[in-house]
Amino acid sequence: MTDSAPSTVTVQRDLPFHEADGETLALDLYDDPAATGPKPVAVLVRGGAFCWGDKGEFARHAIDLAAEGFLVVEPQYRLAPEWTFPAALVDVKAAIEWVRAEGDEYGADTDRVVGVGHSAGANLVALAALTADEPGFEPEAYPGRSSALSAVVGYAGVYDFPSLDAATGDGEQFHRQYLGGGPEDEPAAYDLASPVAQAGPDAPPTLLLHGDADETVPPSQSALLADALSPVADVTHETLSADHGFPFHGAHYDDVFERTLAFLRRVGLAGAGPTDGPADGVGGADDGIGGADDRIGGSGDPSRSGLGDPSSRRGPDDRRGDPGF
């Protein structure tokens, strides 16, 4: 358990940033008005096997990063099976480009933008960085704006779909819904959606964390990306004694946050906030999303906390006990 998060952090919820296929996607924006700017930006992208969930899962991380001087964005993205690759990637790139188009209004340093993702979200931020400004994956909303990232942080990520498909065998294969079929049916999607296959010399500094007891996404996924990036980029690969949901567990939250912040400081992206790690009070996002909304002036209503209506298509935010990533 940790102390309560800083009361000076504020959140603006449901800012529209991308119109796609008749759906308006929104993001939440976290800021600490007490911190000086221009502020580096962190784009936080949750997991959910590309098939479920909504923004809000990273609420506690967002609050603590904002307290460290970051402007923090957590976007929605389109979900499979209704939308297949590259829809979710295009949406994440749209959020990055929204920062560059609109960020000046909020005090953003648009030359310092980091992507942080968990599981499927780690795939999306890594792939956004490795396919920066490639026309086939760019949204139409922000012409001339770059989708490049200054650094990537991936927690328990999916980085190589062919090996993931082989590892899952006859088990749950949510990635097939996202990619439109199996590797024999969609070989191009399996290649283009895999950061391992897209690794190149333009890759930004990257931190990869994975639990050695992860039974959802094999730890070898992070090892494969580290091996692909290490000849061409600054990559740090670390293993924790943890399962798939470690970034959200109270037992691991402080350690994960401190490792992340140390990496961002090392590559010149850390904000100007406090230097003693995350504020104490709530044990990670599992326990603190609704509480985080109360602390920063919210009503505690689930719609304000970013969880959404559990009966909606996106579903409840907390499904880390289910199969998938």
C-alpha atoms as a PDB file:
ATOM      1  CA  MET A   1       0.000   0.000   0.000  1.00  0.00           C
ATOM      2  CA  THR A   2       1.139   3.530  -0.742  1.00  0.00           C
ATOM      3  CA  ASP A   3       0.123   7.063   0.333  1.00  0.00           C
ATOM      4  CA  SER A   4      -2.518   9.059  -1.507  1.00  0.00           C
ATOM      5  CA  ALA A   5      -1.594  10.529  -4.862  1.00  0.00           C
ATOM      6  CA  PRO A   6      -0.836  14.247  -5.175  1.00  0.00           C
ATOM      7  CA  SER A   7      -3.994  16.324  -4.903  1.00  0.00           C
ATOM      8  CA  THR A   8      -2.653  18.873  -7.398  1.00  0.00           C
ATOM      9  CA  VAL A   9      -2.990  16.462 -10.353  1.00  0.00           C
ATOM     10  CA  THR A  10      -6.031  17.152 -12.516  1.00  0.00           C
ATOM     11  CA  VAL A  11      -7.690  15.167 -15.295  1.00  0.00           C
ATOM     12  CA  GLN A  12      -9.723  16.212 -18.318  1.00  0.00           C
ATOM     13  CA  ARG A  13     -11.753  13.247 -19.473  1.00  0.00           C
ATOM     14  CA  ASP A  14     -13.175  12.274 -22.831  1.00  0.00           C
ATOM     15  CA  LEU A  15     -11.382  14.752 -25.083  1.00  0.00           C
ATOM     16  CA  PRO A  16     -12.177  13.668 -28.662  1.00  0.00           C
ATOM     17  CA  PHE A  17      -9.098  13.045 -30.783  1.00  0.00           C
ATOM     18  CA  HIS A  18     -10.004  10.727 -33.663  1.00  0.00           C
ATOM     19  CA  GLU A  19     -13.038  10.048 -35.848  1.00  0.00           C
ATOM     20  CA  ALA A  20     -12.798   6.592 -37.391  1.00  0.00           C
ATOM     21  CA  ASP A  21     -15.411   4.426 -39.095  1.00  0.00           C
ATOM     22  CA  GLY A  22     -18.233   6.401 -37.511  1.00  0.00           C
ATOM     23  CA  GLU A  23     -16.787   6.149 -33.993  1.00  0.00           C
ATOM     24  CA  THR A  24     -15.476   9.102 -32.010  1.00  0.00           C
ATOM     25  CA  LEU A  25     -12.484   8.079 -29.920  1.00  0.00           C
ATOM     26  CA  ALA A  26     -11.585  10.046 -26.799  1.00  0.00           C
ATOM     27  CA  LEU A  27      -8.627  10.383 -24.469  1.00  0.00           C
ATOM     28  CA  ASP A  28      -8.038  11.432 -20.863  1.00  0.00           C
ATOM     29  CA  LEU A  29      -5.446  14.112 -20.143  1.00  0.00           C
ATOM     30  CA  TYR A  30      -3.625  14.240 -16.798  1.00  0.00           C
ATOM     31  CA  ASP A  31      -1.635  17.263 -15.687  1.00  0.00           C
ATOM     32  CA  ASP A  32      -0.132  18.806 -12.584  1.00  0.00           C
ATOM     33  CA  PRO A  33      -0.582  22.592 -12.873  1.00  0.00           C
ATOM     34  CA  ALA A  34       2.065  23.011 -10.167  1.00  0.00           C
ATOM     35  CA  ALA A  35       4.747  21.500 -12.423  1.00  0.00           C
ATOM     36  CA  THR A  36       6.674  23.766 -14.764  1.00  0.00           C
ATOM     37  CA  GLY A  37       6.738  23.312 -18.518  1.00  0.00           C
ATOM     38  CA  PRO A  38       7.122  22.671 -21.341  1.00  0.00           C
ATOM     39  CA  LYS A  39       6.327  19.158 -20.159  1.00  0.00           C
ATOM     40  CA  PRO A  40       7.366  15.862 -21.705  1.00  0.00           C
ATOM     41  CA  VAL A  41       4.378  13.766 -22.738  1.00  0.00           C
ATOM     42  CA  ALA A  42       3.575  10.149 -21.842  1.00  0.00           C
ATOM     43  CA  VAL A  43       1.026   8.294 -23.987  1.00  0.00           C
ATOM     44  CA  LEU A  44      -0.265   5.317 -21.957  1.00  0.00           C
ATOM     45  CA  VAL A  45      -1.868   2.441 -23.873  1.00  0.00           C
ATOM     46  CA  ARG A  46      -3.611  -0.384 -21.993  1.00  0.00           C
ATOM     47  CA  GLY A  47      -3.898  -4.039 -22.891  1.00  0.00           C
ATOM     48  CA  GLY A  48      -6.960  -6.213 -23.420  1.00  0.00           C
ATOM     49  CA  ALA A  49      -5.922  -8.683 -26.173  1.00  0.00           C
ATOM     50  CA  PHE A  50      -6.920  -6.038 -28.741  1.00  0.00           C
ATOM     51  CA  CYS A  51     -10.503  -7.121 -28.032  1.00  0.00           C
ATOM     52  CA  TRP A  52     -11.798  -5.450 -24.847  1.00  0.00           C
ATOM     53  CA  GLY A  53     -11.316  -2.735 -22.240  1.00  0.00           C
ATOM     54  CA  ASP A  54     -11.260   1.036 -22.214  1.00  0.00           C
ATOM     55  CA  LYS A  55      -9.073   3.896 -21.101  1.00  0.00           C
ATOM     56  CA  GLY A  56      -8.709   4.236 -17.343  1.00  0.00           C
ATOM     57  CA  GLU A  57      -6.619   1.149 -16.609  1.00  0.00           C
ATOM     58  CA  PHE A  58      -3.476   3.271 -16.375  1.00  0.00           C
ATOM     59  CA  ALA A  59      -5.076   5.909 -14.120  1.00  0.00           C
ATOM     60  CA  ARG A  60      -2.683   5.452 -11.206  1.00  0.00           C
ATOM     61  CA  HIS A  61       0.381   5.482 -13.467  1.00  0.00           C
ATOM     62  CA  ALA A  62      -0.998   8.591 -15.154  1.00  0.00           C
ATOM     63  CA  ILE A  63      -1.414  10.408 -11.841  1.00  0.00           C
ATOM     64  CA  ASP A  64       2.102   9.572 -10.685  1.00  0.00           C
ATOM     65  CA  LEU A  65       3.707  10.480 -14.007  1.00  0.00           C
ATOM     66  CA  ALA A  66       1.811  13.781 -14.020  1.00  0.00           C
ATOM     67  CA  ALA A  67       3.144  14.452 -10.525  1.00  0.00           C
ATOM     68  CA  GLU A  68       6.652  13.898 -11.953  1.00  0.00           C
ATOM     69  CA  GLY A  69       6.106  16.685 -14.469  1.00  0.00           C
ATOM     70  CA  PHE A  70       4.686  14.790 -17.433  1.00  0.00           C
ATOM     71  CA  LEU A  71       1.604  15.675 -19.411  1.00  0.00           C
ATOM     72  CA  VAL A  72      -0.121  12.285 -19.658  1.00  0.00           C
ATOM     73  CA  VAL A  73      -2.541  11.043 -22.301  1.00  0.00           C
ATOM     74  CA  GLU A  74      -4.506   7.779 -22.173  1.00  0.00           C
ATOM     75  CA  PRO A  75      -6.443   7.135 -25.409  1.00  0.00           C
ATOM     76  CA  GLN A  76      -9.104   4.719 -26.557  1.00  0.00           C
ATOM     77  CA  TYR A  77      -8.534   2.564 -29.612  1.00  0.00           C
ATOM     78  CA  ARG A  78     -10.797   0.458 -31.822  1.00  0.00           C
ATOM     79  CA  LEU A  79     -11.264  -3.168 -30.836  1.00  0.00           C
ATOM     80  CA  ALA A  80     -11.296  -6.514 -32.606  1.00  0.00           C
ATOM     81  CA  PRO A  81     -13.067  -8.407 -33.985  1.00  0.00           C
ATOM     82  CA  GLU A  82     -15.097  -5.448 -35.275  1.00  0.00           C
ATOM     83  CA  TRP A  83     -11.905  -3.697 -36.331  1.00  0.00           C
ATOM     84  CA  THR A  84      -8.795  -5.605 -37.337  1.00  0.00           C
ATOM     85  CA  PHE A  85      -5.162  -4.594 -37.800  1.00  0.00           C
ATOM     86  CA  PRO A  86      -4.062  -1.861 -38.369  1.00  0.00           C
ATOM     87  CA  ALA A  87      -7.059   0.013 -36.868  1.00  0.00           C
ATOM     88  CA  ALA A  88      -5.772   0.046 -33.274  1.00  0.00           C
ATOM     89  CA  LEU A  89      -2.293   1.081 -34.415  1.00  0.00           C
ATOM     90  CA  VAL A  90      -3.713   3.961 -36.455  1.00  0.00           C
ATOM     91  CA  ASP A  91      -5.673   5.116 -33.391  1.00  0.00           C
ATOM     92  CA  VAL A  92      -2.587   5.111 -31.162  1.00  0.00           C
ATOM     93  CA  LYS A  93      -0.703   7.073 -33.813  1.00  0.00           C
ATOM     94  CA  ALA A  94      -3.617   9.512 -33.934  1.00  0.00           C
ATOM     95  CA  ALA A  95      -3.238  10.075 -30.177  1.00  0.00           C
ATOM     96  CA  ILE A  96       0.489  10.769 -30.622  1.00  0.00           C
ATOM     97  CA  GLU A  97      -0.226  13.168 -33.460  1.00  0.00           C
ATOM     98  CA  TRP A  98      -3.007  14.850 -31.440  1.00  0.00           C
ATOM     99  CA  VAL A  99      -0.323  15.651 -28.854  1.00  0.00           C
ATOM    100  CA  ARG A 100       1.751  17.351 -31.542  1.00  0.00           C
ATOM    101  CA  ALA A 101      -1.242  19.175 -33.005  1.00  0.00           C
ATOM    102  CA  GLU A 102      -2.909  20.286 -29.771  1.00  0.00           C
ATOM    103  CA  GLY A 103      -0.246  19.855 -27.104  1.00  0.00           C
ATOM    104  CA  ASP A 104       0.973  23.462 -27.090  1.00  0.00           C
ATOM    105  CA  GLU A 105      -2.361  24.452 -25.587  1.00  0.00           C
ATOM    106  CA  TYR A 106      -1.608  22.214 -22.581  1.00  0.00           C
ATOM    107  CA  GLY A 107       2.076  23.063 -22.168  1.00  0.00           C
ATOM    108  CA  ALA A 108       3.466  19.971 -23.906  1.00  0.00           C
ATOM    109  CA  ASP A 109       7.012  19.579 -25.117  1.00  0.00           C
ATOM    110  CA  THR A 110       6.111  17.897 -28.391  1.00  0.00           C
ATOM    111  CA  ASP A 111       9.738  16.954 -29.041  1.00  0.00           C
ATOM    112  CA  ARG A 112       9.661  14.641 -26.007  1.00  0.00           C
ATOM    113  CA  VAL A 113       6.887  12.053 -26.323  1.00  0.00           C
ATOM    114  CA  VAL A 114       7.183   8.587 -24.778  1.00  0.00           C
ATOM    115  CA  GLY A 115       4.840   5.637 -25.290  1.00  0.00           C
ATOM    116  CA  VAL A 116       4.104   3.302 -22.370  1.00  0.00           C
ATOM    117  CA  GLY A 117       2.033   0.161 -22.918  1.00  0.00           C
ATOM    118  CA  HIS A 118       0.969  -3.058 -21.247  1.00  0.00           C
ATOM    119  CA  SER A 119       0.484  -6.332 -23.140  1.00  0.00           C
ATOM    120  CA  ALA A 120      -1.411  -5.519 -26.362  1.00  0.00           C
ATOM    121  CA  GLY A 121      -0.764  -1.858 -25.573  1.00  0.00           C
ATOM    122  CA  ALA A 122       2.979  -2.534 -25.449  1.00  0.00           C
ATOM    123  CA  ASN A 123       2.712  -3.975 -28.946  1.00  0.00           C
ATOM    124  CA  LEU A 124       0.953  -0.821 -30.118  1.00  0.00           C
ATOM    125  CA  VAL A 125       3.429   1.696 -28.689  1.00  0.00           C
ATOM    126  CA  ALA A 126       6.428  -0.320 -29.891  1.00  0.00           C
ATOM    127  CA  LEU A 127       4.945  -0.690 -33.359  1.00  0.00           C
ATOM    128  CA  ALA A 128       3.984   2.990 -33.492  1.00  0.00           C
ATOM    129  CA  ALA A 129       7.627   3.869 -32.833  1.00  0.00           C
ATOM    130  CA  LEU A 130       9.001   1.365 -35.348  1.00  0.00           C
ATOM    131  CA  THR A 131       6.590   2.422 -38.128  1.00  0.00           C
ATOM    132  CA  ALA A 132       6.711   6.157 -37.384  1.00  0.00           C
ATOM    133  CA  ASP A 133       5.343   8.245 -40.240  1.00  0.00           C
ATOM    134  CA  GLU A 134       4.856   5.280 -42.579  1.00  0.00           C
ATOM    135  CA  PRO A 135       1.932   6.334 -44.832  1.00  0.00           C
ATOM    136  CA  GLY A 136       0.061   3.024 -44.734  1.00  0.00           C
ATOM    137  CA  PHE A 137      -0.393   3.265 -40.972  1.00  0.00           C
ATOM    138  CA  GLU A 138      -0.970   6.999 -40.511  1.00  0.00           C
ATOM    139  CA  PRO A 139      -4.334   8.588 -39.607  1.00  0.00           C
ATOM    140  CA  GLU A 140      -5.759  11.218 -41.919  1.00  0.00           C
ATOM    141  CA  ALA A 141      -6.682  13.567 -39.083  1.00  0.00           C
ATOM    142  CA  TYR A 142      -3.304  15.260 -38.530  1.00  0.00           C
ATOM    143  CA  PRO A 143      -1.463  15.664 -41.854  1.00  0.00           C
ATOM    144  CA  GLY A 144       2.121  16.701 -41.431  1.00  0.00           C
ATOM    145  CA  ARG A 145       2.280  15.672 -37.755  1.00  0.00           C
ATOM    146  CA  SER A 146       4.712  12.949 -36.768  1.00  0.00           C
ATOM    147  CA  SER A 147       3.825   9.703 -34.992  1.00  0.00           C
ATOM    148  CA  ALA A 148       7.442   9.226 -33.836  1.00  0.00           C
ATOM    149  CA  LEU A 149       8.167   8.464 -30.185  1.00  0.00           C
ATOM    150  CA  SER A 150      11.218   9.575 -28.202  1.00  0.00           C
ATOM    151  CA  ALA A 151      11.201   6.371 -26.124  1.00  0.00           C
ATOM    152  CA  VAL A 152       9.126   3.240 -25.560  1.00  0.00           C
ATOM    153  CA  VAL A 153       8.306   1.377 -22.344  1.00  0.00           C
ATOM    154  CA  GLY A 154       6.712  -2.044 -22.793  1.00  0.00           C
ATOM    155  CA  TYR A 155       5.271  -4.140 -19.960  1.00  0.00           C
ATOM    156  CA  ALA A 156       4.602  -7.830 -20.774  1.00  0.00           C
ATOM    157  CA  GLY A 157       4.269  -7.038 -24.450  1.00  0.00           C
ATOM    158  CA  VAL A 158       3.294  -9.032 -27.513  1.00  0.00           C
ATOM    159  CA  TYR A 159       6.038  -8.451 -30.066  1.00  0.00           C
ATOM    160  CA  ASP A 160       6.158 -11.446 -32.412  1.00  0.00           C
ATOM    161  CA  PHE A 161       2.845 -12.869 -33.583  1.00  0.00           C
ATOM    162  CA  PRO A 162       4.132 -15.963 -35.438  1.00  0.00           C
ATOM    163  CA  SER A 163       5.845 -17.289 -32.296  1.00  0.00           C
ATOM    164  CA  LEU A 164       2.880 -16.278 -30.124  1.00  0.00           C
ATOM    165  CA  ASP A 165       0.544 -18.192 -32.421  1.00  0.00           C
ATOM    166  CA  ALA A 166       2.758 -21.264 -32.172  1.00  0.00           C
ATOM    167  CA  ALA A 167       2.945 -20.970 -28.381  1.00  0.00           C
ATOM    168  CA  THR A 168      -0.816 -20.670 -27.867  1.00  0.00           C
ATOM    169  CA  GLY A 169      -1.591 -23.784 -29.916  1.00  0.00           C
ATOM    170  CA  ASP A 170      -5.231 -24.712 -29.424  1.00  0.00           C
ATOM    171  CA  GLY A 171      -5.675 -22.260 -26.556  1.00  0.00           C
ATOM    172  CA  GLU A 172      -7.199 -18.796 -26.585  1.00  0.00           C
ATOM    173  CA  GLN A 173      -6.010 -16.990 -29.702  1.00  0.00           C
ATOM    174  CA  PHE A 174      -7.436 -13.504 -29.436  1.00  0.00           C
ATOM    175  CA  HIS A 175      -4.660 -12.248 -31.699  1.00  0.00           C
ATOM    176  CA  ARG A 176      -6.326 -14.109 -34.581  1.00  0.00           C
ATOM    177  CA  GLN A 177      -9.406 -11.925 -34.165  1.00  0.00           C
ATOM    178  CA  TYR A 178      -7.172  -8.852 -34.338  1.00  0.00           C
ATOM    179  CA  LEU A 179      -5.108 -10.041 -37.310  1.00  0.00           C
ATOM    180  CA  GLY A 180      -8.049 -11.469 -39.246  1.00  0.00           C
ATOM    181  CA  GLY A 181      -7.089 -15.151 -39.091  1.00  0.00           C
ATOM    182  CA  GLY A 182      -4.159 -17.495 -38.672  1.00  0.00           C
ATOM    183  CA  PRO A 183      -0.643 -17.036 -40.062  1.00  0.00           C
ATOM    184  CA  GLU A 184      -1.496 -19.066 -43.152  1.00  0.00           C
ATOM    185  CA  ASP A 185      -4.471 -16.796 -43.863  1.00  0.00           C
ATOM    186  CA  GLU A 186      -2.876 -13.411 -43.066  1.00  0.00           C
ATOM    187  CA  PRO A 187       0.913 -13.717 -43.366  1.00  0.00           C
ATOM    188  CA  ALA A 188       1.372 -10.012 -44.159  1.00  0.00           C
ATOM    189  CA  ALA A 189      -0.560  -8.943 -41.048  1.00  0.00           C
ATOM    190  CA  TYR A 190       1.493 -11.282 -38.848  1.00  0.00           C
ATOM    191  CA  ASP A 191       4.657  -9.670 -40.186  1.00  0.00           C
ATOM    192  CA  LEU A 192       3.563  -6.026 -40.236  1.00  0.00           C
ATOM    193  CA  ALA A 193       1.951  -6.170 -36.774  1.00  0.00           C
ATOM    194  CA  SER A 194       5.057  -7.694 -35.148  1.00  0.00           C
ATOM    195  CA  PRO A 195       7.567  -5.167 -33.763  1.00  0.00           C
ATOM    196  CA  VAL A 196      10.286  -7.856 -34.000  1.00  0.00           C
ATOM    197  CA  ALA A 197       9.857  -7.872 -37.772  1.00  0.00           C
ATOM    198  CA  GLN A 198       9.831  -4.066 -37.999  1.00  0.00           C
ATOM    199  CA  ALA A 199      12.894  -3.387 -35.831  1.00  0.00           C
ATOM    200  CA  GLY A 200      15.326  -0.996 -37.479  1.00  0.00           C
ATOM    201  CA  PRO A 201      17.927   1.706 -36.898  1.00  0.00           C
ATOM    202  CA  ASP A 202      15.316   4.405 -36.245  1.00  0.00           C
ATOM    203  CA  ALA A 203      14.079   2.649 -33.094  1.00  0.00           C
ATOM    204  CA  PRO A 204      14.043   4.919 -30.024  1.00  0.00           C
ATOM    205  CA  PRO A 205      15.440   3.958 -26.592  1.00  0.00           C
ATOM    206  CA  THR A 206      13.305   1.100 -25.281  1.00  0.00           C
ATOM    207  CA  LEU A 207      12.649  -0.444 -21.853  1.00  0.00           C
ATOM    208  CA  LEU A 208      11.126  -3.939 -21.829  1.00  0.00           C
ATOM    209  CA  LEU A 209       9.846  -5.427 -18.551  1.00  0.00           C
ATOM    210  CA  HIS A 210       8.308  -8.905 -18.334  1.00  0.00           C
ATOM    211  CA  GLY A 211       7.263 -11.249 -15.546  1.00  0.00           C
ATOM    212  CA  ASP A 212       9.035 -14.598 -15.449  1.00  0.00           C
ATOM    213  CA  ALA A 213       5.781 -16.257 -14.296  1.00  0.00           C
ATOM    214  CA  ASP A 214       3.678 -14.785 -17.117  1.00  0.00           C
ATOM    215  CA  GLU A 215       1.330 -17.521 -18.368  1.00  0.00           C
ATOM    216  CA  THR A 216      -0.557 -15.191 -20.723  1.00  0.00           C
ATOM    217  CA  VAL A 217       2.232 -13.729 -22.863  1.00  0.00           C
ATOM    218  CA  PRO A 218       5.459 -15.781 -22.859  1.00  0.00           C
ATOM    219  CA  PRO A 219       8.462 -13.885 -21.449  1.00  0.00           C
ATOM    220  CA  SER A 220      10.270 -14.902 -24.638  1.00  0.00           C
ATOM    221  CA  GLN A 221       8.257 -12.203 -26.440  1.00  0.00           C
ATOM    222  CA  SER A 222      10.262  -9.447 -24.733  1.00  0.00           C
ATOM    223  CA  ALA A 223      13.502 -11.372 -25.213  1.00  0.00           C
ATOM    224  CA  LEU A 224      12.832 -11.607 -28.956  1.00  0.00           C
ATOM    225  CA  LEU A 225      12.305  -7.857 -29.278  1.00  0.00           C
ATOM    226  CA  ALA A 226      15.359  -7.104 -27.144  1.00  0.00           C
ATOM    227  CA  ASP A 227      17.447  -9.326 -29.422  1.00  0.00           C
ATOM    228  CA  ALA A 228      16.047  -7.615 -32.526  1.00  0.00           C
ATOM    229  CA  LEU A 229      16.650  -4.112 -31.183  1.00  0.00           C
ATOM    230  CA  SER A 230      19.974  -4.511 -29.399  1.00  0.00           C
ATOM    231  CA  PRO A 231      22.165  -4.245 -32.553  1.00  0.00           C
ATOM    232  CA  VAL A 232      20.504  -0.981 -33.624  1.00  0.00           C
ATOM    233  CA  ALA A 233      19.057   0.745 -30.557  1.00  0.00           C
ATOM    234  CA  ASP A 234      19.415   1.494 -26.846  1.00  0.00           C
ATOM    235  CA  VAL A 235      17.363  -1.312 -25.295  1.00  0.00           C
ATOM    236  CA  THR A 236      17.026  -2.359 -21.643  1.00  0.00           C
ATOM    237  CA  HIS A 237      15.400  -5.754 -20.989  1.00  0.00           C
ATOM    238  CA  GLU A 238      14.590  -6.768 -17.416  1.00  0.00           C
ATOM    239  CA  THR A 239      12.673  -9.698 -15.938  1.00  0.00           C
ATOM    240  CA  LEU A 240      10.639  -9.514 -12.729  1.00  0.00           C
ATOM    241  CA  SER A 241       9.419 -12.323 -10.469  1.00  0.00           C
ATOM    242  CA  ALA A 242       5.804 -11.672 -11.398  1.00  0.00           C
ATOM    243  CA  ASP A 243       2.856 -12.703 -13.546  1.00  0.00           C
ATOM    244  CA  HIS A 244       1.226 -10.932 -16.485  1.00  0.00           C
ATOM    245  CA  GLY A 245      -0.515  -8.153 -14.559  1.00  0.00           C
ATOM    246  CA  PHE A 246       2.540  -7.006 -12.599  1.00  0.00           C
ATOM    247  CA  PRO A 247       2.329  -3.268 -13.484  1.00  0.00           C
ATOM    248  CA  PHE A 248      -1.020  -3.123 -11.663  1.00  0.00           C
ATOM    249  CA  HIS A 249      -0.210  -5.266  -8.611  1.00  0.00           C
ATOM    250  CA  GLY A 250       0.343  -3.435  -5.357  1.00  0.00           C
ATOM    251  CA  ALA A 251       3.330  -5.681  -4.632  1.00  0.00           C
ATOM    252  CA  HIS A 252       5.105  -4.592  -7.828  1.00  0.00           C
ATOM    253  CA  TYR A 253       3.748  -1.127  -8.591  1.00  0.00           C
ATOM    254  CA  ASP A 254       6.448   0.932  -6.862  1.00  0.00           C
ATOM    255  CA  ASP A 255       9.263  -1.135  -8.353  1.00  0.00           C
ATOM    256  CA  VAL A 256       7.829  -0.905 -11.866  1.00  0.00           C
ATOM    257  CA  PHE A 257       7.256   2.825 -11.581  1.00  0.00           C
ATOM    258  CA  GLU A 258      10.767   3.444 -10.250  1.00  0.00           C
ATOM    259  CA  ARG A 259      12.363   1.358 -13.016  1.00  0.00           C
ATOM    260  CA  THR A 260      10.322   3.244 -15.587  1.00  0.00           C
ATOM    261  CA  LEU A 261      11.176   6.647 -14.176  1.00  0.00           C
ATOM    262  CA  ALA A 262      14.888   5.793 -13.900  1.00  0.00           C
ATOM    263  CA  PHE A 263      14.915   4.767 -17.569  1.00  0.00           C
ATOM    264  CA  LEU A 264      13.115   7.939 -18.652  1.00  0.00           C
ATOM    265  CA  ARG A 265      15.570  10.045 -16.656  1.00  0.00           C
ATOM    266  CA  ARG A 266      18.510   8.235 -18.221  1.00  0.00           C
ATOM    267  CA  VAL A 267      17.312   8.973 -21.754  1.00  0.00           C
ATOM    268  CA  GLY A 268      16.502  12.596 -20.933  1.00  0.00           C
ATOM    269  CA  LEU A 269      12.715  12.396 -20.824  1.00  0.00           C
ATOM    270  CA  ALA A 270      11.843  12.580 -17.128  1.00  0.00           C
ATOM    271  CA  GLY A 271       9.793  15.504 -15.921  1.00  0.00           C
ATOM    272  CA  ALA A 272      10.639  18.125 -13.338  1.00  0.00           C
ATOM    273  CA  GLY A 273       8.454  16.726 -10.561  1.00  0.00           C
ATOM    274  CA  PRO A 274       9.435  15.006  -7.286  1.00  0.00           C
ATOM    275  CA  THR A 275      12.269  12.497  -7.389  1.00  0.00           C
ATOM    276  CA  ASP A 276      11.268  10.040  -4.667  1.00  0.00           C
ATOM    277  CA  GLY A 277       9.158   7.673  -6.763  1.00  0.00           C
ATOM    278  CA  PRO A 278       5.388   7.290  -6.825  1.00  0.00           C
ATOM    279  CA  ALA A 279       3.256   8.935  -4.189  1.00  0.00           C
ATOM    280  CA  ASP A 280       2.036   6.523  -1.536  1.00  0.00           C
ATOM    281  CA  GLY A 281      -1.583   5.578  -0.811  1.00  0.00           C
ATOM    282  CA  VAL A 282      -3.312   3.204  -3.172  1.00  0.00           C
ATOM    283  CA  GLY A 283      -1.952  -0.150  -4.192  1.00  0.00           C
ATOM    284  CA  GLY A 284      -1.796   0.208  -7.950  1.00  0.00           C
ATOM    285  CA  ALA A 285      -4.488   0.582 -10.564  1.00  0.00           C
ATOM    286  CA  ASP A 286      -6.419  -2.517  -9.503  1.00  0.00           C
ATOM    287  CA  ASP A 287      -7.265  -0.894  -6.192  1.00  0.00           C
ATOM    288  CA  GLY A 288      -7.130   2.772  -7.004  1.00  0.00           C
ATOM    289  CA  ILE A 289      -8.828   3.778 -10.243  1.00  0.00           C
ATOM    290  CA  GLY A 290     -12.050   4.988  -8.651  1.00  0.00           C
ATOM    291  CA  GLY A 291     -10.119   6.424  -5.728  1.00  0.00           C
ATOM    292  CA  ALA A 292      -7.836   8.270  -8.126  1.00  0.00           C
ATOM    293  CA  ASP A 293     -10.831  10.006  -9.656  1.00  0.00           C
ATOM    294  CA  ASP A 294     -12.015  11.120  -6.207  1.00  0.00           C
ATOM    295  CA  ARG A 295      -8.579  12.449  -5.287  1.00  0.00           C
ATOM    296  CA  ILE A 296      -8.398  14.615  -8.378  1.00  0.00           C
ATOM    297  CA  GLY A 297     -11.826  16.096  -8.016  1.00  0.00           C
ATOM    298  CA  GLY A 298     -14.003  13.465  -9.696  1.00  0.00           C
ATOM    299  CA  SER A 299     -17.353  12.283  -8.473  1.00  0.00           C
ATOM    300  CA  GLY A 300     -16.472   8.598  -8.219  1.00  0.00           C
ATOM    301  CA  ASP A 301     -19.043   7.876 -10.945  1.00  0.00           C
ATOM    302  CA  PRO A 302     -17.659   5.015 -13.100  1.00  0.00           C
ATOM    303  CA  SER A 303     -18.269   7.053 -16.254  1.00  0.00           C
ATOM    304  CA  ARG A 304     -15.984   9.763 -14.860  1.00  0.00           C
ATOM    305  CA  SER A 305     -13.305   7.332 -13.739  1.00  0.00           C
ATOM    306  CA  GLY A 306     -12.905   6.003 -17.278  1.00  0.00           C
ATOM    307  CA  LEU A 307     -14.284   2.555 -16.559  1.00  0.00           C
ATOM    308  CA  GLY A 308     -17.381   2.993 -18.650  1.00  0.00           C
ATOM    309  CA  ASP A 309     -20.630   1.051 -18.484  1.00  0.00           C
ATOM    310  CA  PRO A 310     -19.875  -2.610 -17.751  1.00  0.00           C
ATOM    311  CA  SER A 311     -22.709  -3.568 -20.080  1.00  0.00           C
ATOM    312  CA  SER A 312     -21.170  -1.670 -23.019  1.00  0.00           C
ATOM    313  CA  ARG A 313     -19.330  -3.290 -25.913  1.00  0.00           C
ATOM    314  CA  ARG A 314     -15.981  -2.218 -24.497  1.00  0.00           C
ATOM    315  CA  GLY A 315     -16.837  -3.922 -21.227  1.00  0.00           C
ATOM    316  CA  PRO A 316     -15.394  -3.464 -17.749  1.00  0.00           C
ATOM    317  CA  ASP A 317     -11.814  -2.321 -17.529  1.00  0.00           C
ATOM    318  CA  ASP A 318     -10.549  -4.975 -15.164  1.00  0.00           C
ATOM    319  CA  ARG A 319     -10.323  -8.319 -16.984  1.00  0.00           C
ATOM    320  CA  ARG A 320      -6.785  -9.254 -16.112  1.00  0.00           C
ATOM    321  CA  GLY A 321      -7.979 -12.572 -14.699  1.00  0.00           C
ATOM    322  CA  ASP A 322      -9.291 -13.621 -18.117  1.00  0.00           C
ATOM    323  CA  PRO A 323      -7.279 -15.313 -20.865  1.00  0.00           C
ATOM    324  CA  GLY A 324      -5.673 -12.979 -23.328  1.00  0.00           C
ATOM    325  CA  PHE A 325      -3.348 -10.036 -23.147  1.00  0.00           C
END
